[in-house]
């Protein structure tokens, strides 16, 4: 891990410094030091209960840590005023596995929920919103769904197409960091390939991302670095160039079988 006190803040989209989180007497996170550089995709991996969801909820303003510091694009977060709305203002966007879009809403409305463009009279500028939504679909994420337009409803989209729309929306709102939380769960191989392609476009656009998934091949395909969580602690940070998929799988099995505990004895 890099030293958050010595590195230039300009290189980071995100830094979590000595983050602890307690729920009552239960310690969920211990001394989390996590950084994500600009134009980097980091895979956050670990078993259920490792602490991935807790980290995401702190990043997205659902609840504050017990102690520690958070920096987004070099700006220190004031946890007393940090919530879901201010996380958006700080440039944090999250794409969940199947909860990112309004099922019955048309696509152009989904792009601007809560952040509508209005004209000088205070009315929603439908024409402008549709034009922007269409541009995002065609040029930002390369969306080519047959028969799908900005006036189509979300229910008409496949699972992979829905994730593509959610990712495109996050990119449009100039997110410094896009959190992808299990974006390929319950999708077919063909749909997974679509989502992976959309994730590659995040990096092409110069954005940073945290990618969370139990599918190790998907993580390995899209990520530049892998951060391994084990019972609320960071066990390792490994660059993709330093490890093969098979080696990464074997490394994670060591944690699952408790070999790391034995190594500490």
C-alpha atoms as a PDB file:
ATOM      1  CA  UNK A   1       0.000   0.000   0.000  1.00  0.00           C
ATOM      2  CA  UNK A   2       1.170   3.528  -0.622  1.00  0.00           C
ATOM      3  CA  UNK A   3       1.858   6.019   2.140  1.00  0.00           C
ATOM      4  CA  UNK A   4      -1.067   8.483   2.272  1.00  0.00           C
ATOM      5  CA  UNK A   5       1.057  11.043   4.097  1.00  0.00           C
ATOM      6  CA  UNK A   6       3.813  11.176   1.492  1.00  0.00           C
ATOM      7  CA  UNK A   7       2.112  10.675  -1.873  1.00  0.00           C
ATOM      8  CA  UNK A   8       0.704  13.568  -3.878  1.00  0.00           C
ATOM      9  CA  UNK A   9      -3.066  13.886  -3.334  1.00  0.00           C
ATOM     10  CA  UNK A  10      -3.515  14.793  -7.008  1.00  0.00           C
ATOM     11  CA  UNK A  11      -2.894  11.213  -8.107  1.00  0.00           C
ATOM     12  CA  UNK A  12      -5.793   9.786  -6.099  1.00  0.00           C
ATOM     13  CA  UNK A  13      -9.495   9.558  -6.758  1.00  0.00           C
ATOM     14  CA  UNK A  14      -9.895   8.061  -3.284  1.00  0.00           C
ATOM     15  CA  UNK A  15      -7.955   7.544  -0.068  1.00  0.00           C
ATOM     16  CA  UNK A  16      -9.254   5.849   3.060  1.00  0.00           C
ATOM     17  CA  UNK A  17      -6.829   6.408   5.946  1.00  0.00           C
ATOM     18  CA  UNK A  18      -6.879   4.281   9.122  1.00  0.00           C
ATOM     19  CA  UNK A  19     -10.608   3.648   8.885  1.00  0.00           C
ATOM     20  CA  UNK A  20     -12.175   1.695  11.773  1.00  0.00           C
ATOM     21  CA  UNK A  21     -15.844   0.822  12.064  1.00  0.00           C
ATOM     22  CA  UNK A  22     -17.620  -0.572  15.113  1.00  0.00           C
ATOM     23  CA  UNK A  23     -21.221  -1.711  15.399  1.00  0.00           C
ATOM     24  CA  UNK A  24     -21.650  -1.635  19.140  1.00  0.00           C
ATOM     25  CA  UNK A  25     -18.816  -3.807  20.452  1.00  0.00           C
ATOM     26  CA  UNK A  26     -18.340  -5.584  17.125  1.00  0.00           C
ATOM     27  CA  UNK A  27     -15.411  -4.339  15.070  1.00  0.00           C
ATOM     28  CA  UNK A  28     -16.340  -4.539  11.368  1.00  0.00           C
ATOM     29  CA  UNK A  29     -13.307  -2.740   9.899  1.00  0.00           C
ATOM     30  CA  UNK A  30      -9.792  -2.433  11.286  1.00  0.00           C
ATOM     31  CA  UNK A  31      -7.227   0.147  10.111  1.00  0.00           C
ATOM     32  CA  UNK A  32      -8.379   0.251   6.492  1.00  0.00           C
ATOM     33  CA  UNK A  33      -5.861   2.084   4.309  1.00  0.00           C
ATOM     34  CA  UNK A  34      -7.185   1.954   0.782  1.00  0.00           C
ATOM     35  CA  UNK A  35      -6.307   4.161  -2.158  1.00  0.00           C
ATOM     36  CA  UNK A  36      -7.531   4.230  -5.728  1.00  0.00           C
ATOM     37  CA  UNK A  37      -5.570   6.235  -8.260  1.00  0.00           C
ATOM     38  CA  UNK A  38      -7.139   8.208 -11.050  1.00  0.00           C
ATOM     39  CA  UNK A  39      -7.713   6.049 -14.132  1.00  0.00           C
ATOM     40  CA  UNK A  40      -7.378   2.863 -12.052  1.00  0.00           C
ATOM     41  CA  UNK A  41      -9.831   0.018 -11.479  1.00  0.00           C
ATOM     42  CA  UNK A  42      -9.337  -1.758  -8.170  1.00  0.00           C
ATOM     43  CA  UNK A  43     -10.922  -5.117  -7.441  1.00  0.00           C
ATOM     44  CA  UNK A  44     -12.179  -5.428  -3.862  1.00  0.00           C
ATOM     45  CA  UNK A  45     -12.383  -9.137  -3.112  1.00  0.00           C
ATOM     46  CA  UNK A  46     -13.012 -11.384  -0.126  1.00  0.00           C
ATOM     47  CA  UNK A  47     -15.506 -13.797   1.386  1.00  0.00           C
ATOM     48  CA  UNK A  48     -18.960 -12.813   2.626  1.00  0.00           C
ATOM     49  CA  UNK A  49     -18.534 -10.845   5.836  1.00  0.00           C
ATOM     50  CA  UNK A  50     -15.062  -9.633   4.892  1.00  0.00           C
ATOM     51  CA  UNK A  51     -16.160  -5.980   5.093  1.00  0.00           C
ATOM     52  CA  UNK A  52     -16.743  -5.046   1.454  1.00  0.00           C
ATOM     53  CA  UNK A  53     -20.302  -3.791   1.988  1.00  0.00           C
ATOM     54  CA  UNK A  54     -19.260  -1.793   5.050  1.00  0.00           C
ATOM     55  CA  UNK A  55     -16.564  -0.015   3.036  1.00  0.00           C
ATOM     56  CA  UNK A  56     -19.072   0.789   0.278  1.00  0.00           C
ATOM     57  CA  UNK A  57     -21.582   2.193   2.783  1.00  0.00           C
ATOM     58  CA  UNK A  58     -18.930   4.468   4.280  1.00  0.00           C
ATOM     59  CA  UNK A  59     -17.869   5.655   0.818  1.00  0.00           C
ATOM     60  CA  UNK A  60     -21.443   6.338  -0.245  1.00  0.00           C
ATOM     61  CA  UNK A  61     -22.443   8.202   2.925  1.00  0.00           C
ATOM     62  CA  UNK A  62     -24.854   5.612   4.338  1.00  0.00           C
ATOM     63  CA  UNK A  63     -23.043   5.775   7.663  1.00  0.00           C
ATOM     64  CA  UNK A  64     -19.770   7.239   8.977  1.00  0.00           C
ATOM     65  CA  UNK A  65     -16.751   5.300  10.225  1.00  0.00           C
ATOM     66  CA  UNK A  66     -15.974   5.183  13.927  1.00  0.00           C
ATOM     67  CA  UNK A  67     -12.571   6.722  13.237  1.00  0.00           C
ATOM     68  CA  UNK A  68     -10.243   7.528  10.367  1.00  0.00           C
ATOM     69  CA  UNK A  69     -10.186   9.883   7.394  1.00  0.00           C
ATOM     70  CA  UNK A  70     -11.588   9.851   3.864  1.00  0.00           C
ATOM     71  CA  UNK A  71     -10.255  11.903   0.947  1.00  0.00           C
ATOM     72  CA  UNK A  72     -12.052  12.129  -2.397  1.00  0.00           C
ATOM     73  CA  UNK A  73     -10.121  13.719  -5.255  1.00  0.00           C
ATOM     74  CA  UNK A  74      -7.787  15.248  -2.671  1.00  0.00           C
ATOM     75  CA  UNK A  75     -10.594  16.773  -0.583  1.00  0.00           C
ATOM     76  CA  UNK A  76     -10.987  15.632   3.002  1.00  0.00           C
ATOM     77  CA  UNK A  77     -14.539  14.543   3.824  1.00  0.00           C
ATOM     78  CA  UNK A  78     -16.285  16.004   6.854  1.00  0.00           C
ATOM     79  CA  UNK A  79     -18.202  12.984   8.162  1.00  0.00           C
ATOM     80  CA  UNK A  80     -20.485  15.221  10.230  1.00  0.00           C
ATOM     81  CA  UNK A  81     -22.000  16.500   6.974  1.00  0.00           C
ATOM     82  CA  UNK A  82     -21.394  13.500   4.718  1.00  0.00           C
ATOM     83  CA  UNK A  83     -24.430  11.566   3.469  1.00  0.00           C
ATOM     84  CA  UNK A  84     -25.710   9.938   0.275  1.00  0.00           C
ATOM     85  CA  UNK A  85     -26.467  13.289  -1.386  1.00  0.00           C
ATOM     86  CA  UNK A  86     -23.100  14.819  -0.519  1.00  0.00           C
ATOM     87  CA  UNK A  87     -21.347  11.647  -1.729  1.00  0.00           C
ATOM     88  CA  UNK A  88     -22.791  12.436  -5.165  1.00  0.00           C
ATOM     89  CA  UNK A  89     -21.531  15.996  -4.884  1.00  0.00           C
ATOM     90  CA  UNK A  90     -18.077  14.656  -3.996  1.00  0.00           C
ATOM     91  CA  UNK A  91     -18.085  12.573  -7.181  1.00  0.00           C
ATOM     92  CA  UNK A  92     -19.019   9.124  -5.853  1.00  0.00           C
ATOM     93  CA  UNK A  93     -21.462   7.114  -7.969  1.00  0.00           C
ATOM     94  CA  UNK A  94     -22.542   3.541  -7.254  1.00  0.00           C
ATOM     95  CA  UNK A  95     -23.919   0.904  -9.612  1.00  0.00           C
ATOM     96  CA  UNK A  96     -25.617  -1.943  -7.762  1.00  0.00           C
ATOM     97  CA  UNK A  97     -26.371  -5.400  -9.121  1.00  0.00           C
ATOM     98  CA  UNK A  98     -30.028  -4.712 -10.022  1.00  0.00           C
ATOM     99  CA  UNK A  99     -31.250  -1.658  -8.116  1.00  0.00           C
ATOM    100  CA  UNK A 100     -29.784   1.251 -10.034  1.00  0.00           C
ATOM    101  CA  UNK A 101     -32.702   2.030 -12.377  1.00  0.00           C
ATOM    102  CA  UNK A 102     -36.429   2.668 -12.120  1.00  0.00           C
ATOM    103  CA  UNK A 103     -38.057  -0.373 -13.734  1.00  0.00           C
ATOM    104  CA  UNK A 104     -41.104   1.418 -15.194  1.00  0.00           C
ATOM    105  CA  UNK A 105     -39.415   4.693 -16.106  1.00  0.00           C
ATOM    106  CA  UNK A 106     -38.193   5.524 -19.602  1.00  0.00           C
ATOM    107  CA  UNK A 107     -34.433   5.623 -20.052  1.00  0.00           C
ATOM    108  CA  UNK A 108     -34.003   9.383 -20.397  1.00  0.00           C
ATOM    109  CA  UNK A 109     -35.810   9.928 -17.099  1.00  0.00           C
ATOM    110  CA  UNK A 110     -33.545   7.393 -15.415  1.00  0.00           C
ATOM    111  CA  UNK A 111     -30.481   9.368 -16.418  1.00  0.00           C
ATOM    112  CA  UNK A 112     -31.677  12.466 -14.580  1.00  0.00           C
ATOM    113  CA  UNK A 113     -33.621  11.198 -11.546  1.00  0.00           C
ATOM    114  CA  UNK A 114     -33.014  13.733  -8.784  1.00  0.00           C
ATOM    115  CA  UNK A 115     -30.800  15.859 -11.052  1.00  0.00           C
ATOM    116  CA  UNK A 116     -33.157  17.172 -13.695  1.00  0.00           C
ATOM    117  CA  UNK A 117     -32.171  19.859 -16.193  1.00  0.00           C
ATOM    118  CA  UNK A 118     -34.621  22.761 -16.089  1.00  0.00           C
ATOM    119  CA  UNK A 119     -35.206  25.680 -18.413  1.00  0.00           C
ATOM    120  CA  UNK A 120     -35.301  29.342 -17.409  1.00  0.00           C
ATOM    121  CA  UNK A 121     -38.947  28.958 -16.356  1.00  0.00           C
ATOM    122  CA  UNK A 122     -38.147  26.123 -13.954  1.00  0.00           C
ATOM    123  CA  UNK A 123     -39.690  23.374 -16.085  1.00  0.00           C
ATOM    124  CA  UNK A 124     -37.842  20.150 -16.942  1.00  0.00           C
ATOM    125  CA  UNK A 125     -36.096  20.531 -20.294  1.00  0.00           C
ATOM    126  CA  UNK A 126     -37.255  17.243 -21.809  1.00  0.00           C
ATOM    127  CA  UNK A 127     -35.694  17.859 -25.220  1.00  0.00           C
ATOM    128  CA  UNK A 128     -32.254  18.567 -23.762  1.00  0.00           C
ATOM    129  CA  UNK A 129     -32.401  15.605 -21.388  1.00  0.00           C
ATOM    130  CA  UNK A 130     -33.348  13.257 -24.226  1.00  0.00           C
ATOM    131  CA  UNK A 131     -30.516  14.585 -26.399  1.00  0.00           C
ATOM    132  CA  UNK A 132     -27.953  14.096 -23.637  1.00  0.00           C
ATOM    133  CA  UNK A 133     -29.267  10.625 -22.795  1.00  0.00           C
ATOM    134  CA  UNK A 134     -29.043   9.611 -26.448  1.00  0.00           C
ATOM    135  CA  UNK A 135     -25.475  10.929 -26.697  1.00  0.00           C
ATOM    136  CA  UNK A 136     -24.456   8.958 -23.595  1.00  0.00           C
ATOM    137  CA  UNK A 137     -26.029   5.768 -24.934  1.00  0.00           C
ATOM    138  CA  UNK A 138     -24.380   6.014 -28.345  1.00  0.00           C
ATOM    139  CA  UNK A 139     -21.041   7.700 -27.681  1.00  0.00           C
ATOM    140  CA  UNK A 140     -20.128   7.179 -24.032  1.00  0.00           C
ATOM    141  CA  UNK A 141     -21.024   3.526 -23.589  1.00  0.00           C
ATOM    142  CA  UNK A 142     -21.457   2.520 -27.248  1.00  0.00           C
ATOM    143  CA  UNK A 143     -24.970   1.239 -26.631  1.00  0.00           C
ATOM    144  CA  UNK A 144     -26.370  -0.554 -29.668  1.00  0.00           C
ATOM    145  CA  UNK A 145     -29.436  -2.350 -28.299  1.00  0.00           C
ATOM    146  CA  UNK A 146     -31.719  -3.177 -31.224  1.00  0.00           C
ATOM    147  CA  UNK A 147     -34.977  -1.244 -31.096  1.00  0.00           C
ATOM    148  CA  UNK A 148     -33.991   0.525 -27.874  1.00  0.00           C
ATOM    149  CA  UNK A 149     -34.230   4.327 -27.698  1.00  0.00           C
ATOM    150  CA  UNK A 150     -34.224   6.901 -24.915  1.00  0.00           C
ATOM    151  CA  UNK A 151     -38.018   6.512 -24.799  1.00  0.00           C
ATOM    152  CA  UNK A 152     -37.805   2.776 -24.063  1.00  0.00           C
ATOM    153  CA  UNK A 153     -38.587   1.638 -20.518  1.00  0.00           C
ATOM    154  CA  UNK A 154     -36.028  -0.112 -18.352  1.00  0.00           C
ATOM    155  CA  UNK A 155     -38.178  -3.249 -18.405  1.00  0.00           C
ATOM    156  CA  UNK A 156     -37.360  -3.653 -22.092  1.00  0.00           C
ATOM    157  CA  UNK A 157     -33.619  -3.963 -21.415  1.00  0.00           C
ATOM    158  CA  UNK A 158     -31.588  -7.068 -20.719  1.00  0.00           C
ATOM    159  CA  UNK A 159     -29.602  -7.250 -17.476  1.00  0.00           C
ATOM    160  CA  UNK A 160     -26.333  -6.313 -19.168  1.00  0.00           C
ATOM    161  CA  UNK A 161     -27.945  -3.382 -20.966  1.00  0.00           C
ATOM    162  CA  UNK A 162     -29.382  -2.087 -17.681  1.00  0.00           C
ATOM    163  CA  UNK A 163     -25.929  -2.090 -16.116  1.00  0.00           C
ATOM    164  CA  UNK A 164     -24.564  -0.298 -19.152  1.00  0.00           C
ATOM    165  CA  UNK A 165     -27.140   2.474 -18.738  1.00  0.00           C
ATOM    166  CA  UNK A 166     -26.326   2.784 -15.020  1.00  0.00           C
ATOM    167  CA  UNK A 167     -22.593   2.962 -15.763  1.00  0.00           C
ATOM    168  CA  UNK A 168     -23.146   5.541 -18.510  1.00  0.00           C
ATOM    169  CA  UNK A 169     -25.193   7.679 -16.125  1.00  0.00           C
ATOM    170  CA  UNK A 170     -22.413   7.573 -13.533  1.00  0.00           C
ATOM    171  CA  UNK A 171     -19.827   8.585 -16.132  1.00  0.00           C
ATOM    172  CA  UNK A 172     -21.967  11.495 -17.343  1.00  0.00           C
ATOM    173  CA  UNK A 173     -22.211  13.006 -13.870  1.00  0.00           C
ATOM    174  CA  UNK A 174     -18.422  13.340 -13.781  1.00  0.00           C
ATOM    175  CA  UNK A 175     -17.871  10.828 -11.007  1.00  0.00           C
ATOM    176  CA  UNK A 176     -14.328  10.752  -9.632  1.00  0.00           C
ATOM    177  CA  UNK A 177     -15.024   7.214  -8.469  1.00  0.00           C
ATOM    178  CA  UNK A 178     -17.582   4.667  -9.715  1.00  0.00           C
ATOM    179  CA  UNK A 179     -18.328   1.808  -7.321  1.00  0.00           C
ATOM    180  CA  UNK A 180     -19.562  -1.334  -9.060  1.00  0.00           C
ATOM    181  CA  UNK A 181     -21.172  -3.636  -6.505  1.00  0.00           C
ATOM    182  CA  UNK A 182     -21.659  -7.156  -7.935  1.00  0.00           C
ATOM    183  CA  UNK A 183     -22.683  -5.807 -11.373  1.00  0.00           C
ATOM    184  CA  UNK A 184     -22.775  -9.230 -13.073  1.00  0.00           C
ATOM    185  CA  UNK A 185     -24.781 -11.240 -10.530  1.00  0.00           C
ATOM    186  CA  UNK A 186     -27.408 -13.520 -12.121  1.00  0.00           C
ATOM    187  CA  UNK A 187     -26.465 -12.543 -15.676  1.00  0.00           C
ATOM    188  CA  UNK A 188     -25.828 -14.951 -18.546  1.00  0.00           C
ATOM    189  CA  UNK A 189     -22.309 -15.231 -19.980  1.00  0.00           C
ATOM    190  CA  UNK A 190     -23.377 -13.093 -22.935  1.00  0.00           C
ATOM    191  CA  UNK A 191     -24.726 -10.391 -20.613  1.00  0.00           C
ATOM    192  CA  UNK A 192     -21.631 -10.551 -18.401  1.00  0.00           C
ATOM    193  CA  UNK A 193     -19.516  -9.848 -21.487  1.00  0.00           C
ATOM    194  CA  UNK A 194     -21.594  -6.716 -22.152  1.00  0.00           C
ATOM    195  CA  UNK A 195     -21.047  -5.435 -18.616  1.00  0.00           C
ATOM    196  CA  UNK A 196     -17.303  -6.149 -18.784  1.00  0.00           C
ATOM    197  CA  UNK A 197     -17.157  -4.127 -21.992  1.00  0.00           C
ATOM    198  CA  UNK A 198     -18.954  -1.225 -20.307  1.00  0.00           C
ATOM    199  CA  UNK A 199     -16.511  -1.383 -17.364  1.00  0.00           C
ATOM    200  CA  UNK A 200     -13.564  -1.129 -19.755  1.00  0.00           C
ATOM    201  CA  UNK A 201     -15.104   2.124 -20.993  1.00  0.00           C
ATOM    202  CA  UNK A 202     -14.814   3.566 -17.466  1.00  0.00           C
ATOM    203  CA  UNK A 203     -11.040   3.294 -17.686  1.00  0.00           C
ATOM    204  CA  UNK A 204     -10.999   4.520 -21.291  1.00  0.00           C
ATOM    205  CA  UNK A 205     -12.792   7.640 -20.046  1.00  0.00           C
ATOM    206  CA  UNK A 206     -10.078   8.214 -17.430  1.00  0.00           C
ATOM    207  CA  UNK A 207     -12.334   7.413 -14.465  1.00  0.00           C
ATOM    208  CA  UNK A 208     -11.490   5.434 -11.327  1.00  0.00           C
ATOM    209  CA  UNK A 209     -13.513   2.488 -10.102  1.00  0.00           C
ATOM    210  CA  UNK A 210     -13.861  -0.035  -7.305  1.00  0.00           C
ATOM    211  CA  UNK A 211     -15.132  -3.330  -8.678  1.00  0.00           C
ATOM    212  CA  UNK A 212     -16.689  -5.781  -6.212  1.00  0.00           C
ATOM    213  CA  UNK A 213     -17.548  -9.286  -7.360  1.00  0.00           C
ATOM    214  CA  UNK A 214     -17.422 -12.909  -6.259  1.00  0.00           C
ATOM    215  CA  UNK A 215     -16.585 -13.851  -9.857  1.00  0.00           C
ATOM    216  CA  UNK A 216     -12.802 -13.889  -9.853  1.00  0.00           C
ATOM    217  CA  UNK A 217     -12.435 -14.183 -13.662  1.00  0.00           C
ATOM    218  CA  UNK A 218     -14.534 -11.011 -14.064  1.00  0.00           C
ATOM    219  CA  UNK A 219     -12.456  -9.174 -11.461  1.00  0.00           C
ATOM    220  CA  UNK A 220      -9.219 -10.274 -13.088  1.00  0.00           C
ATOM    221  CA  UNK A 221     -10.432  -9.242 -16.544  1.00  0.00           C
ATOM    222  CA  UNK A 222     -11.190  -5.605 -15.700  1.00  0.00           C
ATOM    223  CA  UNK A 223      -9.002  -4.636 -12.721  1.00  0.00           C
ATOM    224  CA  UNK A 224      -5.509  -3.168 -12.516  1.00  0.00           C
ATOM    225  CA  UNK A 225      -5.023  -4.142  -8.886  1.00  0.00           C
ATOM    226  CA  UNK A 226      -6.638  -6.448  -6.345  1.00  0.00           C
ATOM    227  CA  UNK A 227      -7.255  -5.590  -2.685  1.00  0.00           C
ATOM    228  CA  UNK A 228      -7.998  -8.631  -0.548  1.00  0.00           C
ATOM    229  CA  UNK A 229     -10.223  -8.159   2.498  1.00  0.00           C
ATOM    230  CA  UNK A 230     -10.217 -10.698   5.314  1.00  0.00           C
ATOM    231  CA  UNK A 231     -12.512 -10.229   8.322  1.00  0.00           C
ATOM    232  CA  UNK A 232     -12.446  -6.455   8.176  1.00  0.00           C
ATOM    233  CA  UNK A 233      -8.740  -6.090   7.451  1.00  0.00           C
ATOM    234  CA  UNK A 234      -6.777  -5.609   4.249  1.00  0.00           C
ATOM    235  CA  UNK A 235      -4.747  -8.748   3.739  1.00  0.00           C
ATOM    236  CA  UNK A 236      -2.991  -7.775   0.534  1.00  0.00           C
ATOM    237  CA  UNK A 237      -2.818  -5.325  -2.357  1.00  0.00           C
ATOM    238  CA  UNK A 238      -1.574  -7.011  -5.520  1.00  0.00           C
ATOM    239  CA  UNK A 239      -0.934  -5.540  -8.961  1.00  0.00           C
ATOM    240  CA  UNK A 240      -2.346  -7.518 -11.868  1.00  0.00           C
ATOM    241  CA  UNK A 241       1.057  -7.615 -13.537  1.00  0.00           C
ATOM    242  CA  UNK A 242       2.435  -9.497 -10.537  1.00  0.00           C
ATOM    243  CA  UNK A 243      -0.055 -12.367 -10.395  1.00  0.00           C
ATOM    244  CA  UNK A 244      -1.927 -14.731 -12.710  1.00  0.00           C
ATOM    245  CA  UNK A 245      -5.606 -15.585 -12.323  1.00  0.00           C
ATOM    246  CA  UNK A 246      -4.677 -19.065 -11.074  1.00  0.00           C
ATOM    247  CA  UNK A 247      -2.236 -17.625  -8.530  1.00  0.00           C
ATOM    248  CA  UNK A 248      -4.846 -15.143  -7.332  1.00  0.00           C
ATOM    249  CA  UNK A 249      -7.378 -17.946  -6.907  1.00  0.00           C
ATOM    250  CA  UNK A 250      -4.859 -20.005  -4.921  1.00  0.00           C
ATOM    251  CA  UNK A 251      -4.000 -16.982  -2.790  1.00  0.00           C
ATOM    252  CA  UNK A 252      -7.652 -16.455  -1.860  1.00  0.00           C
ATOM    253  CA  UNK A 253      -8.049 -20.130  -1.017  1.00  0.00           C
ATOM    254  CA  UNK A 254      -5.312 -19.689   1.589  1.00  0.00           C
ATOM    255  CA  UNK A 255      -7.577 -17.276   3.421  1.00  0.00           C
ATOM    256  CA  UNK A 256     -10.623 -19.491   3.035  1.00  0.00           C
ATOM    257  CA  UNK A 257      -8.739 -22.436   4.562  1.00  0.00           C
ATOM    258  CA  UNK A 258      -7.236 -20.406   7.391  1.00  0.00           C
ATOM    259  CA  UNK A 259      -3.655 -20.848   6.254  1.00  0.00           C
ATOM    260  CA  UNK A 260      -2.899 -17.181   6.840  1.00  0.00           C
ATOM    261  CA  UNK A 261      -3.923 -17.582  10.486  1.00  0.00           C
ATOM    262  CA  UNK A 262      -1.445 -20.422  10.825  1.00  0.00           C
ATOM    263  CA  UNK A 263       1.261 -18.305   9.237  1.00  0.00           C
ATOM    264  CA  UNK A 264       0.767 -15.675  11.930  1.00  0.00           C
ATOM    265  CA  UNK A 265       1.203 -18.191  14.753  1.00  0.00           C
END
